PDB file of N, CA and C in Angstrom:
ATOM      1  N   UNK A   1      60.335  55.360 -30.749  1.00  0.00           N
ATOM      2  CA  UNK A   1      60.152  54.238 -31.664  1.00  0.00           C
ATOM      3  C   UNK A   1      58.698  54.156 -32.081  1.00  0.00           C
ATOM      4  N   UNK A   2      58.463  53.879 -33.345  1.00  0.00           N
ATOM      5  CA  UNK A   2      57.109  53.831 -33.880  1.00  0.00           C
ATOM      6  C   UNK A   2      56.612  52.388 -33.903  1.00  0.00           C
ATOM      7  N   UNK A   3      55.370  52.214 -33.514  1.00  0.00           N
ATOM      8  CA  UNK A   3      54.717  50.909 -33.620  1.00  0.00           C
ATOM      9  C   UNK A   3      53.354  51.090 -34.246  1.00  0.00           C
ATOM     10  N   UNK A   4      52.942  50.103 -35.023  1.00  0.00           N
ATOM     11  CA  UNK A   4      51.582  50.041 -35.551  1.00  0.00           C
ATOM     12  C   UNK A   4      50.879  48.923 -34.797  1.00  0.00           C
ATOM     13  N   UNK A   5      49.827  49.281 -34.076  1.00  0.00           N
ATOM     14  CA  UNK A   5      49.124  48.310 -33.243  1.00  0.00           C
ATOM     15  C   UNK A   5      47.726  48.101 -33.792  1.00  0.00           C
ATOM     16  N   UNK A   6      47.464  46.877 -34.236  1.00  0.00           N
ATOM     17  CA  UNK A   6      46.179  46.539 -34.833  1.00  0.00           C
ATOM     18  C   UNK A   6      45.255  45.904 -33.799  1.00  0.00           C
ATOM     19  N   UNK A   7      43.963  46.066 -34.010  1.00  0.00           N
ATOM     20  CA  UNK A   7      42.963  45.430 -33.159  1.00  0.00           C
ATOM     21  C   UNK A   7      41.672  45.255 -33.952  1.00  0.00           C
ATOM     22  N   UNK A   8      40.793  44.380 -33.428  1.00  0.00           N
ATOM     23  CA  UNK A   8      39.473  44.234 -34.031  1.00  0.00           C
ATOM     24  C   UNK A   8      39.248  42.965 -34.807  1.00  0.00           C
ATOM     25  N   UNK A   9      40.264  42.154 -34.984  1.00  0.00           N
ATOM     26  CA  UNK A   9      40.060  40.902 -35.705  1.00  0.00           C
ATOM     27  C   UNK A   9      39.279  39.903 -34.870  1.00  0.00           C
ATOM     28  N   UNK A  10      38.932  38.772 -35.497  1.00  0.00           N
ATOM     29  CA  UNK A  10      38.203  37.745 -34.775  1.00  0.00           C
ATOM     30  C   UNK A  10      37.465  36.818 -35.702  1.00  0.00           C
ATOM     31  N   UNK A  11      36.541  36.071 -35.116  1.00  0.00           N
ATOM     32  CA  UNK A  11      35.715  35.109 -35.849  1.00  0.00           C
ATOM     33  C   UNK A  11      34.330  35.696 -36.060  1.00  0.00           C
ATOM     34  N   UNK A  12      33.851  35.629 -37.293  1.00  0.00           N
ATOM     35  CA  UNK A  12      32.537  36.162 -37.619  1.00  0.00           C
ATOM     36  C   UNK A  12      31.871  35.238 -38.633  1.00  0.00           C
ATOM     37  N   UNK A  13      30.545  35.192 -38.582  1.00  0.00           N
ATOM     38  CA  UNK A  13      29.803  34.375 -39.533  1.00  0.00           C
ATOM     39  C   UNK A  13      29.713  35.064 -40.891  1.00  0.00           C
ATOM     40  N   UNK A  14      29.545  34.304 -41.957  1.00  0.00           N
ATOM     41  CA  UNK A  14      29.336  34.931 -43.278  1.00  0.00           C
ATOM     42  C   UNK A  14      28.172  35.923 -43.236  1.00  0.00           C
ATOM     43  N   UNK A  15      28.395  37.064 -43.881  1.00  0.00           N
ATOM     44  CA  UNK A  15      27.401  38.128 -43.856  1.00  0.00           C
ATOM     45  C   UNK A  15      27.571  39.105 -42.705  1.00  0.00           C
ATOM     46  N   UNK A  16      28.438  38.775 -41.778  1.00  0.00           N
ATOM     47  CA  UNK A  16      28.664  39.628 -40.611  1.00  0.00           C
ATOM     48  C   UNK A  16      29.623  40.768 -40.888  1.00  0.00           C
ATOM     49  N   UNK A  17      29.922  41.520 -39.826  1.00  0.00           N
ATOM     50  CA  UNK A  17      30.775  42.698 -39.934  1.00  0.00           C
ATOM     51  C   UNK A  17      31.855  42.686 -38.865  1.00  0.00           C
ATOM     52  N   UNK A  18      32.962  43.316 -39.196  1.00  0.00           N
ATOM     53  CA  UNK A  18      34.040  43.563 -38.246  1.00  0.00           C
ATOM     54  C   UNK A  18      34.639  44.933 -38.556  1.00  0.00           C
ATOM     55  N   UNK A  19      35.221  45.533 -37.541  1.00  0.00           N
ATOM     56  CA  UNK A  19      35.925  46.797 -37.739  1.00  0.00           C
ATOM     57  C   UNK A  19      37.338  46.656 -37.213  1.00  0.00           C
ATOM     58  N   UNK A  20      38.309  46.837 -38.096  1.00  0.00           N
ATOM     59  CA  UNK A  20      39.715  46.799 -37.706  1.00  0.00           C
ATOM     60  C   UNK A  20      40.214  48.209 -37.442  1.00  0.00           C
ATOM     61  N   UNK A  21      41.103  48.318 -36.466  1.00  0.00           N
ATOM     62  CA  UNK A  21      41.748  49.585 -36.162  1.00  0.00           C
ATOM     63  C   UNK A  21      43.259  49.393 -36.137  1.00  0.00           C
ATOM     64  N   UNK A  22      43.976  50.426 -36.515  1.00  0.00           N
ATOM     65  CA  UNK A  22      45.438  50.399 -36.464  1.00  0.00           C
ATOM     66  C   UNK A  22      45.908  51.771 -36.020  1.00  0.00           C
ATOM     67  N   UNK A  23      46.542  51.806 -34.857  1.00  0.00           N
ATOM     68  CA  UNK A  23      47.034  53.055 -34.308  1.00  0.00           C
ATOM     69  C   UNK A  23      48.555  53.087 -34.353  1.00  0.00           C
ATOM     70  N   UNK A  24      49.087  54.171 -34.866  1.00  0.00           N
ATOM     71  CA  UNK A  24      50.535  54.361 -34.883  1.00  0.00           C
ATOM     72  C   UNK A  24      50.943  55.095 -33.616  1.00  0.00           C
ATOM     73  N   UNK A  25      51.837  54.474 -32.849  1.00  0.00           N
ATOM     74  CA  UNK A  25      52.282  55.085 -31.600  1.00  0.00           C
ATOM     75  C   UNK A  25      53.670  55.666 -31.777  1.00  0.00           C
ATOM     76  N   UNK A  26      54.015  56.624 -30.913  1.00  0.00           N
ATOM     77  CA  UNK A  26      55.307  57.287 -30.993  1.00  0.00           C
ATOM     78  C   UNK A  26      55.115  58.764 -31.293  1.00  0.00           C
ATOM     79  N   UNK A  27      56.228  59.470 -31.365  1.00  0.00           N
ATOM     80  CA  UNK A  27      56.162  60.907 -31.663  1.00  0.00           C
ATOM     81  C   UNK A  27      56.185  61.048 -33.180  1.00  0.00           C
ATOM     82  N   UNK A  28      54.981  61.289 -33.724  1.00  0.00           N
ATOM     83  CA  UNK A  28      54.794  61.298 -35.179  1.00  0.00           C
ATOM     84  C   UNK A  28      54.263  62.640 -35.617  1.00  0.00           C
ATOM     85  N   UNK A  29      54.889  63.208 -36.615  1.00  0.00           N
ATOM     86  CA  UNK A  29      54.418  64.478 -37.149  1.00  0.00           C
ATOM     87  C   UNK A  29      53.372  64.267 -38.229  1.00  0.00           C
ATOM     88  N   UNK A  30      53.597  63.279 -39.075  1.00  0.00           N
ATOM     89  CA  UNK A  30      52.642  63.022 -40.143  1.00  0.00           C
ATOM     90  C   UNK A  30      52.874  61.639 -40.732  1.00  0.00           C
ATOM     91  N   UNK A  31      51.829  61.128 -41.367  1.00  0.00           N
ATOM     92  CA  UNK A  31      51.903  59.863 -42.101  1.00  0.00           C
ATOM     93  C   UNK A  31      51.272  60.083 -43.462  1.00  0.00           C
ATOM     94  N   UNK A  32      51.941  59.675 -44.513  1.00  0.00           N
ATOM     95  CA  UNK A  32      51.384  59.865 -45.841  1.00  0.00           C
ATOM     96  C   UNK A  32      50.255  58.842 -46.059  1.00  0.00           C
ATOM     97  N   UNK A  33      50.533  57.741 -46.656  1.00  0.00           N
ATOM     98  CA  UNK A  33      49.498  56.753 -46.932  1.00  0.00           C
ATOM     99  C   UNK A  33      49.422  55.715 -45.821  1.00  0.00           C
ATOM    100  N   UNK A  34      48.219  55.258 -45.555  1.00  0.00           N
ATOM    101  CA  UNK A  34      47.981  54.140 -44.638  1.00  0.00           C
ATOM    102  C   UNK A  34      47.072  53.151 -45.337  1.00  0.00           C
ATOM    103  N   UNK A  35      47.227  51.895 -45.009  1.00  0.00           N
ATOM    104  CA  UNK A  35      46.400  50.918 -45.696  1.00  0.00           C
ATOM    105  C   UNK A  35      46.330  49.589 -44.988  1.00  0.00           C
ATOM    106  N   UNK A  36      45.523  48.726 -45.550  1.00  0.00           N
ATOM    107  CA  UNK A  36      45.352  47.367 -45.051  1.00  0.00           C
ATOM    108  C   UNK A  36      45.673  46.380 -46.163  1.00  0.00           C
ATOM    109  N   UNK A  37      46.447  45.384 -45.808  1.00  0.00           N
ATOM    110  CA  UNK A  37      46.755  44.274 -46.691  1.00  0.00           C
ATOM    111  C   UNK A  37      46.280  42.999 -46.002  1.00  0.00           C
ATOM    112  N   UNK A  38      46.170  41.934 -46.766  1.00  0.00           N
ATOM    113  CA  UNK A  38      45.817  40.654 -46.159  1.00  0.00           C
ATOM    114  C   UNK A  38      46.568  39.531 -46.840  1.00  0.00           C
ATOM    115  N   UNK A  39      46.743  38.475 -46.062  1.00  0.00           N
ATOM    116  CA  UNK A  39      47.434  37.296 -46.583  1.00  0.00           C
ATOM    117  C   UNK A  39      46.716  36.047 -46.090  1.00  0.00           C
ATOM    118  N   UNK A  40      46.181  35.297 -47.026  1.00  0.00           N
ATOM    119  CA  UNK A  40      45.537  34.025 -46.720  1.00  0.00           C
ATOM    120  C   UNK A  40      46.574  32.908 -46.814  1.00  0.00           C
ATOM    121  N   UNK A  41      46.334  31.780 -46.161  1.00  0.00           N
ATOM    122  CA  UNK A  41      47.293  30.676 -46.213  1.00  0.00           C
ATOM    123  C   UNK A  41      47.603  30.256 -47.647  1.00  0.00           C
ATOM    124  N   UNK A  42      48.870  30.169 -47.970  1.00  0.00           N
ATOM    125  CA  UNK A  42      49.286  29.731 -49.287  1.00  0.00           C
ATOM    126  C   UNK A  42      49.179  30.780 -50.373  1.00  0.00           C
ATOM    127  N   UNK A  43      48.813  32.002 -49.994  1.00  0.00           N
ATOM    128  CA  UNK A  43      48.653  33.060 -50.989  1.00  0.00           C
ATOM    129  C   UNK A  43      49.582  34.224 -50.680  1.00  0.00           C
ATOM    130  N   UNK A  44      49.787  35.073 -51.684  1.00  0.00           N
ATOM    131  CA  UNK A  44      50.608  36.255 -51.488  1.00  0.00           C
ATOM    132  C   UNK A  44      49.822  37.340 -50.758  1.00  0.00           C
ATOM    133  N   UNK A  45      50.558  38.197 -50.092  1.00  0.00           N
ATOM    134  CA  UNK A  45      49.932  39.344 -49.440  1.00  0.00           C
ATOM    135  C   UNK A  45      49.382  40.266 -50.525  1.00  0.00           C
ATOM    136  N   UNK A  46      48.161  40.767 -50.292  1.00  0.00           N
ATOM    137  CA  UNK A  46      47.515  41.620 -51.290  1.00  0.00           C
ATOM    138  C   UNK A  46      46.945  42.870 -50.637  1.00  0.00           C
ATOM    139  N   UNK A  47      46.880  43.924 -51.425  1.00  0.00           N
ATOM    140  CA  UNK A  47      46.286  45.160 -50.950  1.00  0.00           C
ATOM    141  C   UNK A  47      44.779  44.987 -50.819  1.00  0.00           C
ATOM    142  N   UNK A  48      44.239  45.429 -49.701  1.00  0.00           N
ATOM    143  CA  UNK A  48      42.792  45.456 -49.494  1.00  0.00           C
ATOM    144  C   UNK A  48      42.263  46.865 -49.734  1.00  0.00           C
ATOM    145  N   UNK A  49      42.845  47.835 -49.061  1.00  0.00           N
ATOM    146  CA  UNK A  49      42.410  49.223 -49.196  1.00  0.00           C
ATOM    147  C   UNK A  49      43.510  50.131 -48.688  1.00  0.00           C
ATOM    148  N   UNK A  50      43.564  51.334 -49.253  1.00  0.00           N
ATOM    149  CA  UNK A  50      44.547  52.319 -48.836  1.00  0.00           C
ATOM    150  C   UNK A  50      43.910  53.695 -48.841  1.00  0.00           C
ATOM    151  N   UNK A  51      44.492  54.599 -48.036  1.00  0.00           N
ATOM    152  CA  UNK A  51      43.978  55.956 -47.946  1.00  0.00           C
ATOM    153  C   UNK A  51      45.134  56.912 -47.725  1.00  0.00           C
ATOM    154  N   UNK A  52      45.117  58.036 -48.439  1.00  0.00           N
ATOM    155  CA  UNK A  52      46.163  59.035 -48.271  1.00  0.00           C
ATOM    156  C   UNK A  52      45.806  59.978 -47.122  1.00  0.00           C
ATOM    157  N   UNK A  53      46.742  60.835 -46.767  1.00  0.00           N
ATOM    158  CA  UNK A  53      46.475  61.808 -45.704  1.00  0.00           C
ATOM    159  C   UNK A  53      45.381  62.773 -46.109  1.00  0.00           C
ATOM    160  N   UNK A  54      45.190  62.954 -47.404  1.00  0.00           N
ATOM    161  CA  UNK A  54      44.137  63.839 -47.886  1.00  0.00           C
ATOM    162  C   UNK A  54      42.783  63.175 -48.038  1.00  0.00           C
ATOM    163  N   UNK A  55      42.745  61.855 -47.833  1.00  0.00           N
ATOM    164  CA  UNK A  55      41.471  61.151 -47.861  1.00  0.00           C
ATOM    165  C   UNK A  55      41.166  60.396 -49.145  1.00  0.00           C
ATOM    166  N   UNK A  56      42.065  60.402 -50.094  1.00  0.00           N
ATOM    167  CA  UNK A  56      41.850  59.616 -51.311  1.00  0.00           C
ATOM    168  C   UNK A  56      41.985  58.134 -50.994  1.00  0.00           C
ATOM    169  N   UNK A  57      41.070  57.346 -51.553  1.00  0.00           N
ATOM    170  CA  UNK A  57      41.028  55.919 -51.219  1.00  0.00           C
ATOM    171  C   UNK A  57      41.207  55.050 -52.462  1.00  0.00           C
ATOM    172  N   UNK A  58      41.622  53.822 -52.191  1.00  0.00           N
ATOM    173  CA  UNK A  58      41.809  52.825 -53.237  1.00  0.00           C
ATOM    174  C   UNK A  58      41.423  51.472 -52.649  1.00  0.00           C
ATOM    175  N   UNK A  59      40.646  50.691 -53.393  1.00  0.00           N
ATOM    176  CA  UNK A  59      40.164  49.397 -52.905  1.00  0.00           C
ATOM    177  C   UNK A  59      40.469  48.288 -53.905  1.00  0.00           C
ATOM    178  N   UNK A  60      40.687  47.100 -53.365  1.00  0.00           N
ATOM    179  CA  UNK A  60      40.730  45.918 -54.220  1.00  0.00           C
ATOM    180  C   UNK A  60      39.330  45.670 -54.771  1.00  0.00           C
ATOM    181  N   UNK A  61      39.259  45.174 -55.999  1.00  0.00           N
ATOM    182  CA  UNK A  61      37.954  44.930 -56.614  1.00  0.00           C
ATOM    183  C   UNK A  61      37.102  43.984 -55.773  1.00  0.00           C
ATOM    184  N   UNK A  62      37.746  43.040 -55.111  1.00  0.00           N
ATOM    185  CA  UNK A  62      37.018  42.018 -54.364  1.00  0.00           C
ATOM    186  C   UNK A  62      36.309  42.561 -53.128  1.00  0.00           C
ATOM    187  N   UNK A  63      36.667  43.762 -52.687  1.00  0.00           N
ATOM    188  CA  UNK A  63      36.049  44.305 -51.469  1.00  0.00           C
ATOM    189  C   UNK A  63      35.255  45.579 -51.726  1.00  0.00           C
ATOM    190  N   UNK A  64      35.270  46.075 -52.946  1.00  0.00           N
ATOM    191  CA  UNK A  64      34.535  47.309 -53.252  1.00  0.00           C
ATOM    192  C   UNK A  64      33.053  47.132 -52.936  1.00  0.00           C
ATOM    193  N   UNK A  65      32.495  48.125 -52.273  1.00  0.00           N
ATOM    194  CA  UNK A  65      31.094  48.082 -51.907  1.00  0.00           C
ATOM    195  C   UNK A  65      30.821  47.369 -50.592  1.00  0.00           C
ATOM    196  N   UNK A  66      31.828  46.676 -50.059  1.00  0.00           N
ATOM    197  CA  UNK A  66      31.652  45.955 -48.789  1.00  0.00           C
ATOM    198  C   UNK A  66      32.539  46.520 -47.682  1.00  0.00           C
ATOM    199  N   UNK A  67      33.739  46.955 -48.037  1.00  0.00           N
ATOM    200  CA  UNK A  67      34.696  47.464 -47.054  1.00  0.00           C
ATOM    201  C   UNK A  67      34.834  48.983 -47.216  1.00  0.00           C
ATOM    202  N   UNK A  68      35.072  49.649 -46.101  1.00  0.00           N
ATOM    203  CA  UNK A  68      35.312  51.086 -46.118  1.00  0.00           C
ATOM    204  C   UNK A  68      36.525  51.405 -45.257  1.00  0.00           C
ATOM    205  N   UNK A  69      37.485  52.112 -45.855  1.00  0.00           N
ATOM    206  CA  UNK A  69      38.660  52.542 -45.117  1.00  0.00           C
ATOM    207  C   UNK A  69      38.505  54.007 -44.727  1.00  0.00           C
ATOM    208  N   UNK A  70      38.964  54.337 -43.534  1.00  0.00           N
ATOM    209  CA  UNK A  70      38.932  55.721 -43.077  1.00  0.00           C
ATOM    210  C   UNK A  70      40.109  55.942 -42.145  1.00  0.00           C
ATOM    211  N   UNK A  71      40.387  57.206 -41.831  1.00  0.00           N
ATOM    212  CA  UNK A  71      41.505  57.489 -40.931  1.00  0.00           C
ATOM    213  C   UNK A  71      41.226  58.750 -40.135  1.00  0.00           C
ATOM    214  N   UNK A  72      41.876  58.798 -38.984  1.00  0.00           N
ATOM    215  CA  UNK A  72      41.841  59.973 -38.127  1.00  0.00           C
ATOM    216  C   UNK A  72      43.276  60.467 -38.031  1.00  0.00           C
ATOM    217  N   UNK A  73      43.599  61.515 -38.760  1.00  0.00           N
ATOM    218  CA  UNK A  73      44.978  61.986 -38.809  1.00  0.00           C
ATOM    219  C   UNK A  73      45.461  62.486 -37.448  1.00  0.00           C
ATOM    220  N   UNK A  74      44.578  63.061 -36.676  1.00  0.00           N
ATOM    221  CA  UNK A  74      44.970  63.564 -35.357  1.00  0.00           C
ATOM    222  C   UNK A  74      45.385  62.440 -34.420  1.00  0.00           C
ATOM    223  N   UNK A  75      44.808  61.261 -34.636  1.00  0.00           N
ATOM    224  CA  UNK A  75      45.116  60.104 -33.798  1.00  0.00           C
ATOM    225  C   UNK A  75      46.070  59.134 -34.485  1.00  0.00           C
ATOM    226  N   UNK A  76      46.503  59.455 -35.696  1.00  0.00           N
ATOM    227  CA  UNK A  76      47.380  58.558 -36.468  1.00  0.00           C
ATOM    228  C   UNK A  76      46.804  57.143 -36.511  1.00  0.00           C
ATOM    229  N   UNK A  77      45.524  57.065 -36.788  1.00  0.00           N
ATOM    230  CA  UNK A  77      44.808  55.797 -36.762  1.00  0.00           C
ATOM    231  C   UNK A  77      44.063  55.589 -38.071  1.00  0.00           C
ATOM    232  N   UNK A  78      44.088  54.353 -38.543  1.00  0.00           N
ATOM    233  CA  UNK A  78      43.339  53.975 -39.739  1.00  0.00           C
ATOM    234  C   UNK A  78      42.371  52.859 -39.365  1.00  0.00           C
ATOM    235  N   UNK A  79      41.216  52.881 -40.002  1.00  0.00           N
ATOM    236  CA  UNK A  79      40.165  51.910 -39.716  1.00  0.00           C
ATOM    237  C   UNK A  79      39.772  51.180 -40.995  1.00  0.00           C
ATOM    238  N   UNK A  80      39.258  49.970 -40.815  1.00  0.00           N
ATOM    239  CA  UNK A  80      38.700  49.228 -41.931  1.00  0.00           C
ATOM    240  C   UNK A  80      37.376  48.624 -41.475  1.00  0.00           C
ATOM    241  N   UNK A  81      36.286  49.178 -41.979  1.00  0.00           N
ATOM    242  CA  UNK A  81      34.965  48.631 -41.698  1.00  0.00           C
ATOM    243  C   UNK A  81      34.659  47.581 -42.746  1.00  0.00           C
ATOM    244  N   UNK A  82      34.432  46.363 -42.291  1.00  0.00           N
ATOM    245  CA  UNK A  82      34.202  45.241 -43.199  1.00  0.00           C
ATOM    246  C   UNK A  82      32.789  44.718 -43.000  1.00  0.00           C
ATOM    247  N   UNK A  83      31.974  44.835 -44.042  1.00  0.00           N
ATOM    248  CA  UNK A  83      30.600  44.365 -44.004  1.00  0.00           C
ATOM    249  C   UNK A  83      30.418  43.239 -45.010  1.00  0.00           C
ATOM    250  N   UNK A  84      29.319  42.523 -44.861  1.00  0.00           N
ATOM    251  CA  UNK A  84      28.993  41.416 -45.785  1.00  0.00           C
ATOM    252  C   UNK A  84      30.190  40.492 -45.987  1.00  0.00           C
ATOM    253  N   UNK A  85      30.784  40.099 -44.893  1.00  0.00           N
ATOM    254  CA  UNK A  85      31.996  39.286 -44.975  1.00  0.00           C
ATOM    255  C   UNK A  85      31.721  37.917 -45.563  1.00  0.00           C
ATOM    256  N   UNK A  86      32.704  37.438 -46.308  1.00  0.00           N
ATOM    257  CA  UNK A  86      32.620  36.140 -46.980  1.00  0.00           C
ATOM    258  C   UNK A  86      33.740  35.237 -46.476  1.00  0.00           C
ATOM    259  N   UNK A  87      33.573  33.943 -46.602  1.00  0.00           N
ATOM    260  CA  UNK A  87      34.653  33.032 -46.183  1.00  0.00           C
ATOM    261  C   UNK A  87      35.979  33.339 -46.875  1.00  0.00           C
ATOM    262  N   UNK A  88      35.923  33.817 -48.098  1.00  0.00           N
ATOM    263  CA  UNK A  88      37.162  34.138 -48.821  1.00  0.00           C
ATOM    264  C   UNK A  88      37.853  35.387 -48.299  1.00  0.00           C
ATOM    265  N   UNK A  89      37.242  36.084 -47.382  1.00  0.00           N
ATOM    266  CA  UNK A  89      37.894  37.220 -46.717  1.00  0.00           C
ATOM    267  C   UNK A  89      38.789  36.763 -45.564  1.00  0.00           C
ATOM    268  N   UNK A  90      38.730  35.485 -45.254  1.00  0.00           N
ATOM    269  CA  UNK A  90      39.552  34.943 -44.169  1.00  0.00           C
ATOM    270  C   UNK A  90      41.033  35.108 -44.485  1.00  0.00           C
ATOM    271  N   UNK A  91      41.745  35.741 -43.583  1.00  0.00           N
ATOM    272  CA  UNK A  91      43.172  36.018 -43.787  1.00  0.00           C
ATOM    273  C   UNK A  91      43.729  36.709 -42.548  1.00  0.00           C
ATOM    274  N   UNK A  92      45.046  36.852 -42.532  1.00  0.00           N
ATOM    275  CA  UNK A  92      45.673  37.754 -41.573  1.00  0.00           C
ATOM    276  C   UNK A  92      45.712  39.134 -42.226  1.00  0.00           C
ATOM    277  N   UNK A  93      45.193  40.124 -41.534  1.00  0.00           N
ATOM    278  CA  UNK A  93      45.139  41.489 -42.042  1.00  0.00           C
ATOM    279  C   UNK A  93      46.262  42.307 -41.411  1.00  0.00           C
ATOM    280  N   UNK A  94      47.026  42.976 -42.273  1.00  0.00           N
ATOM    281  CA  UNK A  94      48.178  43.757 -41.832  1.00  0.00           C
ATOM    282  C   UNK A  94      47.951  45.238 -42.120  1.00  0.00           C
ATOM    283  N   UNK A  95      48.288  46.045 -41.157  1.00  0.00           N
ATOM    284  CA  UNK A  95      48.269  47.490 -41.326  1.00  0.00           C
ATOM    285  C   UNK A  95      49.607  47.941 -41.921  1.00  0.00           C
ATOM    286  N   UNK A  96      49.541  48.908 -42.807  1.00  0.00           N
ATOM    287  CA  UNK A  96      50.748  49.454 -43.429  1.00  0.00           C
ATOM    288  C   UNK A  96      50.706  50.963 -43.384  1.00  0.00           C
ATOM    289  N   UNK A  97      51.842  51.569 -43.121  1.00  0.00           N
ATOM    290  CA  UNK A  97      51.953  53.027 -43.145  1.00  0.00           C
ATOM    291  C   UNK A  97      53.219  53.406 -43.891  1.00  0.00           C
ATOM    292  N   UNK A  98      53.108  54.408 -44.740  1.00  0.00           N
ATOM    293  CA  UNK A  98      54.251  54.817 -45.550  1.00  0.00           C
ATOM    294  C   UNK A  98      54.571  56.276 -45.302  1.00  0.00           C
ATOM    295  N   UNK A  99      55.841  56.571 -45.280  1.00  0.00           N
ATOM    296  CA  UNK A  99      56.365  57.926 -45.040  1.00  0.00           C
ATOM    297  C   UNK A  99      55.841  58.471 -43.715  1.00  0.00           C
ATOM    298  N   UNK A 100      56.295  57.805 -42.649  1.00  0.00           N
ATOM    299  CA  UNK A 100      55.986  58.257 -41.301  1.00  0.00           C
ATOM    300  C   UNK A 100      57.073  59.249 -40.899  1.00  0.00           C
ATOM    301  N   UNK A 101      56.687  60.493 -40.720  1.00  0.00           N
ATOM    302  CA  UNK A 101      57.659  61.530 -40.371  1.00  0.00           C
ATOM    303  C   UNK A 101      57.717  61.663 -38.848  1.00  0.00           C
ATOM    304  N   UNK A 102      58.905  61.371 -38.289  1.00  0.00           N
ATOM    305  CA  UNK A 102      59.098  61.487 -36.844  1.00  0.00           C
ATOM    306  C   UNK A 102      60.066  62.624 -36.545  1.00  0.00           C
ATOM    307  N   UNK A 103      60.482  62.727 -35.300  1.00  0.00           N
ATOM    308  CA  UNK A 103      61.397  63.797 -34.902  1.00  0.00           C
ATOM    309  C   UNK A 103      62.737  63.656 -35.608  1.00  0.00           C
ATOM    310  N   UNK A 104      63.225  62.435 -35.752  1.00  0.00           N
ATOM    311  CA  UNK A 104      64.588  62.224 -36.234  1.00  0.00           C
ATOM    312  C   UNK A 104      64.678  61.622 -37.625  1.00  0.00           C
ATOM    313  N   UNK A 105      63.583  61.069 -38.144  1.00  0.00           N
ATOM    314  CA  UNK A 105      63.714  60.369 -39.418  1.00  0.00           C
ATOM    315  C   UNK A 105      62.375  60.229 -40.115  1.00  0.00           C
ATOM    316  N   UNK A 106      62.415  59.661 -41.316  1.00  0.00           N
ATOM    317  CA  UNK A 106      61.209  59.293 -42.050  1.00  0.00           C
ATOM    318  C   UNK A 106      61.249  57.778 -42.272  1.00  0.00           C
ATOM    319  N   UNK A 107      60.164  57.123 -41.894  1.00  0.00           N
ATOM    320  CA  UNK A 107      60.076  55.676 -42.030  1.00  0.00           C
ATOM    321  C   UNK A 107      59.223  55.338 -43.238  1.00  0.00           C
ATOM    322  N   UNK A 108      59.665  54.356 -43.991  1.00  0.00           N
ATOM    323  CA  UNK A 108      58.939  53.967 -45.194  1.00  0.00           C
ATOM    324  C   UNK A 108      58.422  52.541 -45.061  1.00  0.00           C
ATOM    325  N   UNK A 109      57.227  52.293 -45.602  1.00  0.00           N
ATOM    326  CA  UNK A 109      56.672  50.951 -45.720  1.00  0.00           C
ATOM    327  C   UNK A 109      56.727  50.200 -44.388  1.00  0.00           C
ATOM    328  N   UNK A 110      56.070  50.732 -43.399  1.00  0.00           N
ATOM    329  CA  UNK A 110      56.068  50.193 -42.037  1.00  0.00           C
ATOM    330  C   UNK A 110      54.879  49.275 -41.849  1.00  0.00           C
ATOM    331  N   UNK A 111      55.093  48.144 -41.152  1.00  0.00           N
ATOM    332  CA  UNK A 111      54.040  47.133 -41.020  1.00  0.00           C
ATOM    333  C   UNK A 111      53.658  46.870 -39.562  1.00  0.00           C
ATOM    334  N   UNK A 112      52.397  46.561 -39.368  1.00  0.00           N
ATOM    335  CA  UNK A 112      51.936  46.070 -38.086  1.00  0.00           C
ATOM    336  C   UNK A 112      52.158  44.573 -37.997  1.00  0.00           C
ATOM    337  N   UNK A 113      51.765  43.998 -36.846  1.00  0.00           N
ATOM    338  CA  UNK A 113      52.040  42.589 -36.603  1.00  0.00           C
ATOM    339  C   UNK A 113      50.978  41.666 -37.203  1.00  0.00           C
ATOM    340  N   UNK A 114      49.864  42.214 -37.594  1.00  0.00           N
ATOM    341  CA  UNK A 114      48.795  41.431 -38.207  1.00  0.00           C
ATOM    342  C   UNK A 114      47.724  41.011 -37.222  1.00  0.00           C
ATOM    343  N   UNK A 115      46.501  40.900 -37.724  1.00  0.00           N
ATOM    344  CA  UNK A 115      45.382  40.440 -36.904  1.00  0.00           C
ATOM    345  C   UNK A 115      44.566  39.450 -37.738  1.00  0.00           C
ATOM    346  N   UNK A 116      44.178  38.345 -37.111  1.00  0.00           N
ATOM    347  CA  UNK A 116      43.473  37.288 -37.832  1.00  0.00           C
ATOM    348  C   UNK A 116      41.996  37.623 -37.977  1.00  0.00           C
ATOM    349  N   UNK A 117      41.492  37.467 -39.194  1.00  0.00           N
ATOM    350  CA  UNK A 117      40.061  37.567 -39.464  1.00  0.00           C
ATOM    351  C   UNK A 117      39.621  36.231 -40.047  1.00  0.00           C
ATOM    352  N   UNK A 118      38.659  35.606 -39.393  1.00  0.00           N
ATOM    353  CA  UNK A 118      38.139  34.322 -39.849  1.00  0.00           C
ATOM    354  C   UNK A 118      36.639  34.432 -40.074  1.00  0.00           C
ATOM    355  N   UNK A 119      36.208  34.114 -41.286  1.00  0.00           N
ATOM    356  CA  UNK A 119      34.790  34.163 -41.634  1.00  0.00           C
ATOM    357  C   UNK A 119      34.317  32.730 -41.853  1.00  0.00           C
ATOM    358  N   UNK A 120      33.510  32.267 -40.932  1.00  0.00           N
ATOM    359  CA  UNK A 120      33.086  30.867 -40.980  1.00  0.00           C
ATOM    360  C   UNK A 120      31.806  30.677 -40.192  1.00  0.00           C
ATOM    361  N   UNK A 121      30.984  29.748 -40.643  1.00  0.00           N
ATOM    362  CA  UNK A 121      29.768  29.406 -39.906  1.00  0.00           C
ATOM    363  C   UNK A 121      30.030  28.232 -38.965  1.00  0.00           C
TER     364      UNK A 121
END
């Protein structure tokens, strides 16, 4: 069984930094795209950043220049380095993985449980 386990969230002051990690556990041969989404109270879930297995990246305009997504394919892990955090970055951050190839099947649009990021003084 595959699980996406996120870590690294917490409380940080404006201007601070956090690094989120998401590790996919289980017997996995490959994962196509991995990414981070976020959902603030009363708002829809939105894409923050995504990265393909080949390293191509995509960012929301609101985080360009502040956030960096990366991945370690050997560890089936994706990271999100968040710098210059703002109060409007406060949200639950969710890890997403698409086309997870396992021994018996391919999983699509798989989600982690979410990790809270709060930016406040």
